[in-house]
Amino acid sequence: MSGIQKKTSAQSVYDDVSALLRDMVADITEPVRVREEDLANQLGVSRTPVREALIRLESTGLVRLRPGRGALLSPVTDEEYIEWLQLREQLEGFATREAALNASQRDVERLRALFAPFIGLDEDAFAPIPYGQANVAFHKEIIALANNRLLERVWAAFGHRQTTYRRQTIKRLHRFGTSLREHLAIIDAIERRDAELAEKLARQHVRTLYDAFIKALRSGSTA
């Protein structure tokens, strides 16, 4: 196997382990132990690339390695999520501005297609998991359209904080309809290549979520 093939294989395992753990962490409320052997068996690979993936993921804060005791997967805390939202407002403002300058009509259509199944639905008809998946895919696509490799690496490293809380916050804060309207407005701005408006709307989108989360946190409704 060539060096390129090895790299591709290792990256594939890393992506699979990362996706699996991010999905797990979204549903836990207490730290849980993660065993290399279990992950390797679940993914059908050897333990070596799984171990390498866990070492990489430790640097993102997703897991904590404990010599001889495996990895510890912990839920994202309220404080960590707040910090992520503060950073995310800056990152997404920049990314969406760049996306408005770079996106083709096909890109715009792809963004619209993500939310097409939810348009016209009543608030109580939204399915949290499918909408959450569309939501995450949208923001990942915006980051990609910014065409900034450093930004992509930062997002890949720390975006699990967003994914982790995605299932919880939108449902608890009753933001389905509001979130959908905000996303569609951002897409409209991108389609018009209005970079300034796109950036403004993206920042407002994150800020609105931040304000709603802080309000809910103070009232105890995120528990």
Protein backbone atom coordinates (compact mmCIF):
# COMPACT_ATOMS: atom_id res chain seq x y z
CA MET A 1 0.00 0.00 0.00
CA SER A 2 1.39 3.40 -0.95
CA GLY A 3 1.82 6.31 1.44
CA ILE A 4 -1.12 8.08 -0.18
CA GLN A 5 -3.35 5.03 0.24
CA LYS A 6 -2.33 4.66 3.87
CA LYS A 7 -3.09 8.31 4.49
CA THR A 8 -6.48 7.98 2.80
CA SER A 9 -7.30 4.87 4.83
CA ALA A 10 -6.25 6.50 8.10
CA GLN A 11 -8.27 9.60 7.26
CA SER A 12 -11.29 7.45 6.45
CA VAL A 13 -11.08 5.72 9.83
CA TYR A 14 -10.60 9.08 11.54
CA ASP A 15 -13.70 10.44 9.81
CA ASP A 16 -15.72 7.36 10.78
CA VAL A 17 -14.57 7.42 14.41
CA SER A 18 -15.19 11.15 14.61
CA ALA A 19 -18.71 10.82 13.19
CA LEU A 20 -19.52 7.92 15.50
CA LEU A 21 -18.33 9.71 18.64
CA ARG A 22 -20.01 12.99 17.69
CA ASP A 23 -23.26 11.10 17.28
CA MET A 24 -22.76 9.40 20.65
CA VAL A 25 -21.87 12.56 22.53
CA ALA A 26 -25.06 14.22 21.36
CA ASP A 27 -27.08 11.76 23.43
CA ILE A 28 -25.11 11.48 26.67
CA THR A 29 -25.48 13.49 29.85
CA GLU A 30 -22.61 11.87 31.77
CA PRO A 31 -19.06 10.88 30.74
CA VAL A 32 -18.82 7.40 29.21
CA ARG A 33 -15.85 5.14 28.55
CA VAL A 34 -15.01 4.38 24.93
CA ARG A 35 -12.92 1.29 24.15
CA GLU A 36 -10.67 1.04 21.10
CA GLU A 37 -11.69 -2.57 20.60
CA ASP A 38 -15.40 -1.75 20.54
CA LEU A 39 -14.91 1.04 18.01
CA ALA A 40 -12.68 -1.15 15.83
CA ASN A 41 -15.24 -3.98 15.85
CA GLN A 42 -18.08 -1.61 15.09
CA LEU A 43 -16.22 -0.10 12.14
CA GLY A 44 -14.67 -3.36 10.96
CA VAL A 45 -11.08 -2.12 11.14
CA SER A 46 -7.98 -2.83 13.22
CA ARG A 47 -7.32 -1.07 16.51
CA THR A 48 -4.24 0.82 15.27
CA PRO A 49 -6.02 3.40 13.07
CA VAL A 50 -8.72 3.73 15.72
CA ARG A 51 -6.06 4.52 18.32
CA GLU A 52 -4.51 7.09 15.97
CA ALA A 53 -7.93 8.65 15.41
CA LEU A 54 -8.56 8.94 19.14
CA ILE A 55 -5.20 10.65 19.64
CA ARG A 56 -6.13 13.21 16.98
CA LEU A 57 -9.58 13.70 18.45
CA GLU A 58 -8.16 14.34 21.91
CA SER A 59 -6.62 17.56 20.57
CA THR A 60 -10.10 18.78 19.65
CA GLY A 61 -11.46 18.14 23.13
CA LEU A 62 -13.94 15.54 21.94
CA VAL A 63 -12.35 12.76 24.01
CA ARG A 64 -9.84 12.48 26.83
CA LEU A 65 -7.36 9.61 26.73
CA ARG A 66 -6.50 7.82 29.95
CA PRO A 67 -3.49 5.47 29.84
CA GLY A 68 -4.61 1.91 30.41
CA ARG A 69 -8.25 2.89 30.82
CA GLY A 70 -9.29 3.88 27.32
CA ALA A 71 -10.90 7.11 26.17
CA LEU A 72 -13.46 9.15 28.05
CA LEU A 73 -16.25 10.77 26.07
CA SER A 74 -17.85 13.70 27.88
CA PRO A 75 -20.90 15.79 27.00
CA VAL A 76 -20.31 19.38 25.98
CA THR A 77 -20.96 21.67 28.93
CA ASP A 78 -23.12 24.77 28.83
CA GLU A 79 -20.00 26.90 29.26
CA GLU A 80 -18.23 25.22 26.34
CA TYR A 81 -21.26 25.68 24.11
CA ILE A 82 -21.50 29.37 25.00
CA GLU A 83 -17.83 29.84 24.15
CA TRP A 84 -18.36 28.03 20.87
CA LEU A 85 -21.30 30.26 19.95
CA GLN A 86 -19.21 33.35 20.66
CA LEU A 87 -16.49 32.11 18.34
CA ARG A 88 -18.95 30.75 15.81
CA GLU A 89 -20.53 34.19 15.30
CA GLN A 90 -17.18 35.47 14.06
CA LEU A 91 -16.35 32.41 11.97
CA GLU A 92 -19.73 32.15 10.27
CA GLY A 93 -19.93 35.86 9.58
CA PHE A 94 -16.67 35.65 7.65
CA ALA A 95 -17.53 32.32 6.02
CA THR A 96 -20.94 33.47 4.81
CA ARG A 97 -19.51 36.68 3.37
CA GLU A 98 -17.00 34.64 1.40
CA ALA A 99 -19.67 32.13 0.38
CA ALA A 100 -21.74 34.94 -1.11
CA LEU A 101 -18.77 35.88 -3.28
CA ASN A 102 -17.87 32.32 -4.27
CA ALA A 103 -21.13 30.38 -4.58
CA SER A 104 -22.46 29.32 -7.96
CA GLN A 105 -26.15 28.96 -8.74
CA ARG A 106 -25.74 25.22 -8.36
CA ASP A 107 -24.31 25.78 -4.89
CA VAL A 108 -27.31 27.92 -4.00
CA GLU A 109 -29.70 25.25 -5.25
CA ARG A 110 -27.89 22.66 -3.15
CA LEU A 111 -28.30 24.83 -0.06
CA ARG A 112 -32.01 25.28 -0.76
CA ALA A 113 -32.48 21.56 -1.27
CA LEU A 114 -31.31 20.90 2.28
CA PHE A 115 -34.32 22.72 3.71
CA ALA A 116 -36.90 21.95 1.01
CA PRO A 117 -38.51 19.10 3.03
CA PHE A 118 -39.28 21.49 5.91
CA ILE A 119 -40.80 24.43 4.06
CA GLY A 120 -44.48 24.85 4.86
CA LEU A 121 -44.46 22.55 7.89
CA ASP A 122 -46.13 23.55 11.13
CA GLU A 123 -43.78 24.04 14.07
CA ASP A 124 -44.85 20.79 15.73
CA ALA A 125 -44.35 18.82 12.51
CA PHE A 126 -40.57 19.34 12.42
CA ALA A 127 -38.56 16.17 13.05
CA PRO A 128 -35.60 17.16 15.27
CA ILE A 129 -33.01 14.73 13.94
CA PRO A 130 -33.59 15.24 10.16
CA TYR A 131 -33.75 19.00 10.61
CA GLY A 132 -30.65 18.94 12.78
CA GLN A 133 -28.81 16.98 10.08
CA ALA A 134 -29.86 19.49 7.42
CA ASN A 135 -28.78 22.30 9.71
CA VAL A 136 -25.32 20.85 10.27
CA ALA A 137 -24.94 20.10 6.55
CA PHE A 138 -25.86 23.71 5.71
CA HIS A 139 -23.24 25.23 7.97
CA LYS A 140 -20.61 22.75 6.81
CA GLU A 141 -21.39 23.71 3.21
CA ILE A 142 -21.07 27.41 4.02
CA ILE A 143 -17.65 26.76 5.54
CA ALA A 144 -16.61 24.86 2.41
CA LEU A 145 -17.85 27.64 0.11
CA ALA A 146 -15.65 30.13 1.97
CA ASN A 147 -12.70 28.32 0.36
CA ASN A 148 -10.43 28.84 3.35
CA ARG A 149 -8.53 25.74 4.44
CA LEU A 150 -7.59 27.06 7.87
CA LEU A 151 -11.22 27.88 8.57
CA GLU A 152 -12.21 24.36 7.52
CA ARG A 153 -9.67 22.86 9.92
CA VAL A 154 -10.89 25.00 12.82
CA TRP A 155 -14.49 24.06 12.07
CA ALA A 156 -13.64 20.36 11.76
CA ALA A 157 -11.76 20.45 15.05
CA PHE A 158 -14.35 22.21 17.17
CA GLY A 159 -17.65 21.92 15.33
CA HIS A 160 -18.63 18.91 17.44
CA ARG A 161 -19.75 21.40 20.07
CA GLN A 162 -22.39 22.58 17.62
CA THR A 163 -23.40 19.08 16.59
CA THR A 164 -23.62 17.92 20.18
CA TYR A 165 -26.06 20.60 21.21
CA ARG A 166 -27.93 20.73 17.89
CA ARG A 167 -30.49 18.08 18.83
CA GLN A 168 -31.07 19.65 22.20
CA THR A 169 -31.14 23.41 21.71
CA ILE A 170 -33.37 23.72 18.65
CA LYS A 171 -36.00 21.44 20.20
CA ARG A 172 -35.83 22.94 23.68
CA LEU A 173 -35.79 26.52 22.47
CA HIS A 174 -38.59 25.89 19.95
CA ARG A 175 -36.49 27.39 17.16
CA PHE A 176 -37.48 25.21 14.20
CA GLY A 177 -39.54 27.80 12.34
CA THR A 178 -37.25 30.69 13.27
CA SER A 179 -34.15 28.72 12.33
CA LEU A 180 -35.62 27.78 8.95
CA ARG A 181 -36.55 31.38 8.11
CA GLU A 182 -33.08 32.58 9.10
CA HIS A 183 -31.40 29.99 6.90
CA LEU A 184 -33.58 30.79 3.90
CA ALA A 185 -32.84 34.51 4.28
CA ILE A 186 -29.11 33.76 4.32
CA ILE A 187 -29.47 31.67 1.17
CA ASP A 188 -31.35 34.52 -0.54
CA ALA A 189 -28.52 36.92 0.30
CA ILE A 190 -25.93 34.48 -1.02
CA GLU A 191 -27.89 34.04 -4.24
CA ARG A 192 -27.96 37.83 -4.72
CA ARG A 193 -24.21 37.93 -3.99
CA ASP A 194 -24.90 40.47 -1.27
CA ALA A 195 -21.86 39.66 0.85
CA GLU A 196 -22.50 42.38 3.41
CA LEU A 197 -26.08 41.28 4.05
CA ALA A 198 -25.11 37.61 4.08
CA GLU A 199 -22.52 38.27 6.76
CA LYS A 200 -24.96 40.35 8.80
CA LEU A 201 -27.67 37.69 8.64
CA ALA A 202 -25.23 34.92 9.55
CA ARG A 203 -24.03 36.82 12.60
CA GLN A 204 -27.62 37.58 13.62
CA HIS A 205 -28.50 33.90 13.20
CA VAL A 206 -25.85 32.83 15.69
CA ARG A 207 -26.47 35.78 18.00
CA THR A 208 -30.20 34.97 18.15
CA LEU A 209 -29.39 31.39 19.12
CA TYR A 210 -26.89 32.64 21.69
CA ASP A 211 -29.41 35.03 23.25
CA ALA A 212 -32.14 32.38 23.29
CA PHE A 213 -29.81 29.86 24.89
CA ILE A 214 -28.66 32.28 27.58
CA LYS A 215 -32.27 33.17 28.34
CA ALA A 216 -33.26 29.51 28.56
CA LEU A 217 -30.23 28.73 30.68
CA ARG A 218 -31.16 31.40 33.19
CA SER A 219 -34.72 30.16 33.36
CA GLY A 220 -33.60 26.56 33.69
CA SER A 221 -35.37 25.36 30.54
CA THR A 222 -32.26 23.78 28.99
CA ALA A 223 -31.99 21.20 31.74
